[in-house]
Protein backbone atom coordinates (compact mmCIF):
# COMPACT_ATOMS: atom_id res chain seq x y z
CA UNK A 1 -39.28 11.55 14.74
CA UNK A 2 -35.90 11.76 13.02
CA UNK A 3 -35.72 9.70 9.81
CA UNK A 4 -32.34 8.49 8.56
CA UNK A 5 -32.24 7.94 4.81
CA UNK A 6 -28.58 8.71 4.11
CA UNK A 7 -25.96 5.99 4.53
CA UNK A 8 -23.27 8.55 5.31
CA UNK A 9 -25.36 9.88 8.19
CA UNK A 10 -26.06 6.34 9.44
CA UNK A 11 -22.40 5.30 9.43
CA UNK A 12 -21.50 8.53 11.21
CA UNK A 13 -24.01 7.76 13.96
CA UNK A 14 -23.31 4.05 14.49
CA UNK A 15 -21.61 3.15 17.76
CA UNK A 16 -21.89 6.76 18.87
CA UNK A 17 -19.54 7.87 16.07
CA UNK A 18 -16.79 5.42 17.03
CA UNK A 19 -17.35 3.25 13.95
CA UNK A 20 -16.69 6.20 11.65
CA UNK A 21 -13.48 7.04 13.56
CA UNK A 22 -12.24 3.46 13.31
CA UNK A 23 -13.17 3.21 9.62
CA UNK A 24 -11.31 6.46 8.87
CA UNK A 25 -8.25 5.30 10.83
CA UNK A 26 -8.21 1.94 9.01
CA UNK A 27 -8.45 3.77 5.68
CA UNK A 28 -5.32 5.74 6.55
CA UNK A 29 -3.51 2.58 7.71
CA UNK A 30 -4.23 0.72 4.45
CA UNK A 31 -3.19 3.66 2.26
CA UNK A 32 -0.04 4.27 4.32
CA UNK A 33 0.99 0.60 4.13
CA UNK A 34 0.40 0.49 0.36
CA UNK A 35 2.36 3.72 -0.12
CA UNK A 36 5.29 2.33 1.91
CA UNK A 37 5.32 -0.88 -0.12
CA UNK A 38 5.13 1.12 -3.35
CA UNK A 39 8.02 3.36 -2.29
CA UNK A 40 10.14 0.25 -1.61
CA UNK A 41 9.25 -1.30 -5.01
CA UNK A 42 8.14 1.53 -7.35
CA UNK A 43 7.72 -0.77 -10.37
CA UNK A 44 5.19 -3.01 -8.61
CA UNK A 45 1.50 -2.52 -7.95
CA UNK A 46 0.19 -3.18 -4.45
CA UNK A 47 -3.48 -3.68 -3.63
CA UNK A 48 -5.37 -3.66 -0.37
CA UNK A 49 -8.95 -3.79 0.84
CA UNK A 50 -11.02 -2.05 3.47
CA UNK A 51 -14.35 -3.66 4.27
CA UNK A 52 -17.26 -2.32 6.25
CA UNK A 53 -19.79 -5.02 7.07
CA UNK A 54 -23.17 -4.16 8.55
CA UNK A 55 -25.37 -6.92 9.97
CA UNK A 56 -29.04 -6.08 10.53
CA UNK A 57 -31.46 -7.91 12.81
CA UNK A 58 -35.09 -6.79 12.90
CA UNK A 59 -37.50 -7.92 15.61
CA UNK A 60 -40.86 -6.36 16.41
CA UNK A 61 -40.15 -3.21 14.38
CA UNK A 62 -36.76 -2.55 16.00
CA UNK A 63 -33.46 -2.98 14.13
CA UNK A 64 -30.13 -3.85 15.71
CA UNK A 65 -27.05 -3.04 13.63
CA UNK A 66 -23.71 -4.71 14.27
CA UNK A 67 -20.70 -3.49 12.33
CA UNK A 68 -17.32 -4.95 11.51
CA UNK A 69 -14.32 -3.26 9.88
CA UNK A 70 -11.61 -5.40 8.31
CA UNK A 71 -8.55 -4.68 6.22
CA UNK A 72 -6.17 -6.65 4.07
CA UNK A 73 -2.80 -5.54 2.77
CA UNK A 74 -0.02 -7.50 1.06
CA UNK A 75 2.44 -9.34 3.22
CA UNK A 76 5.68 -7.41 3.43
CA UNK A 77 8.52 -9.15 1.61
CA UNK A 78 11.39 -10.36 3.74
CA UNK A 79 15.05 -10.28 2.80
CA UNK A 80 16.73 -13.52 1.74
CA UNK A 81 19.85 -14.85 3.47
CA UNK A 82 22.45 -16.87 1.57
CA UNK A 83 24.61 -19.62 3.07
CA UNK A 84 26.45 -22.66 1.75
CA UNK A 85 25.86 -26.26 2.70
CA UNK A 86 28.95 -28.16 3.78
CA UNK A 87 29.58 -31.85 3.16
CA UNK A 88 28.23 -32.74 6.60
CA UNK A 89 24.98 -30.88 5.98
CA UNK A 90 25.85 -27.86 8.13
CA UNK A 91 25.55 -24.24 7.03
CA UNK A 92 28.55 -22.05 6.35
CA UNK A 93 28.87 -18.32 5.80
CA UNK A 94 31.88 -18.97 3.55
CA UNK A 95 31.94 -20.84 0.26
CA UNK A 96 33.47 -24.23 1.10
CA UNK A 97 35.52 -24.37 -2.12
CA UNK A 98 37.06 -20.90 -1.81
CA UNK A 99 40.03 -19.97 0.33
CA UNK A 100 39.51 -17.26 2.94
CA UNK A 101 41.77 -14.32 1.98
CA UNK A 102 41.43 -12.55 5.30
CA UNK A 103 42.05 -15.21 7.90
CA UNK A 104 45.41 -15.13 9.74
CA UNK A 105 48.12 -17.10 7.96
CA UNK A 106 51.54 -18.34 8.95
CA UNK A 107 54.24 -15.83 8.07
CA UNK A 108 57.38 -17.29 6.58
CA UNK A 109 60.73 -15.85 7.51
CA UNK A 110 62.59 -14.30 4.55
CA UNK A 111 65.72 -16.28 5.32
CA UNK A 112 63.92 -19.63 5.14
CA UNK A 113 62.02 -18.75 1.99
């Protein structure tokens, strides 16, 4: 009879070793995501979680173990877009009170100027 007393051994054996593979992969995903966020904003601190939940059900001396792995990382910030609101409530990419310097203009003849 093989006795399991070590949690590390138990986690390594659950689901035929697949749980440990998934848990290790999720650990890398969380750390990679936090590192990316930190590289984008080095003055900020980013936190994440990796949870391993084990549910035990015992009946007639036999235990059934169901596992769940979950992660949580910060939501990635999105870039802001800036537009102006016109009098009619529409959006404009140009400030309504500024003249466009680059749009085609009428050229005056030197003789008529």
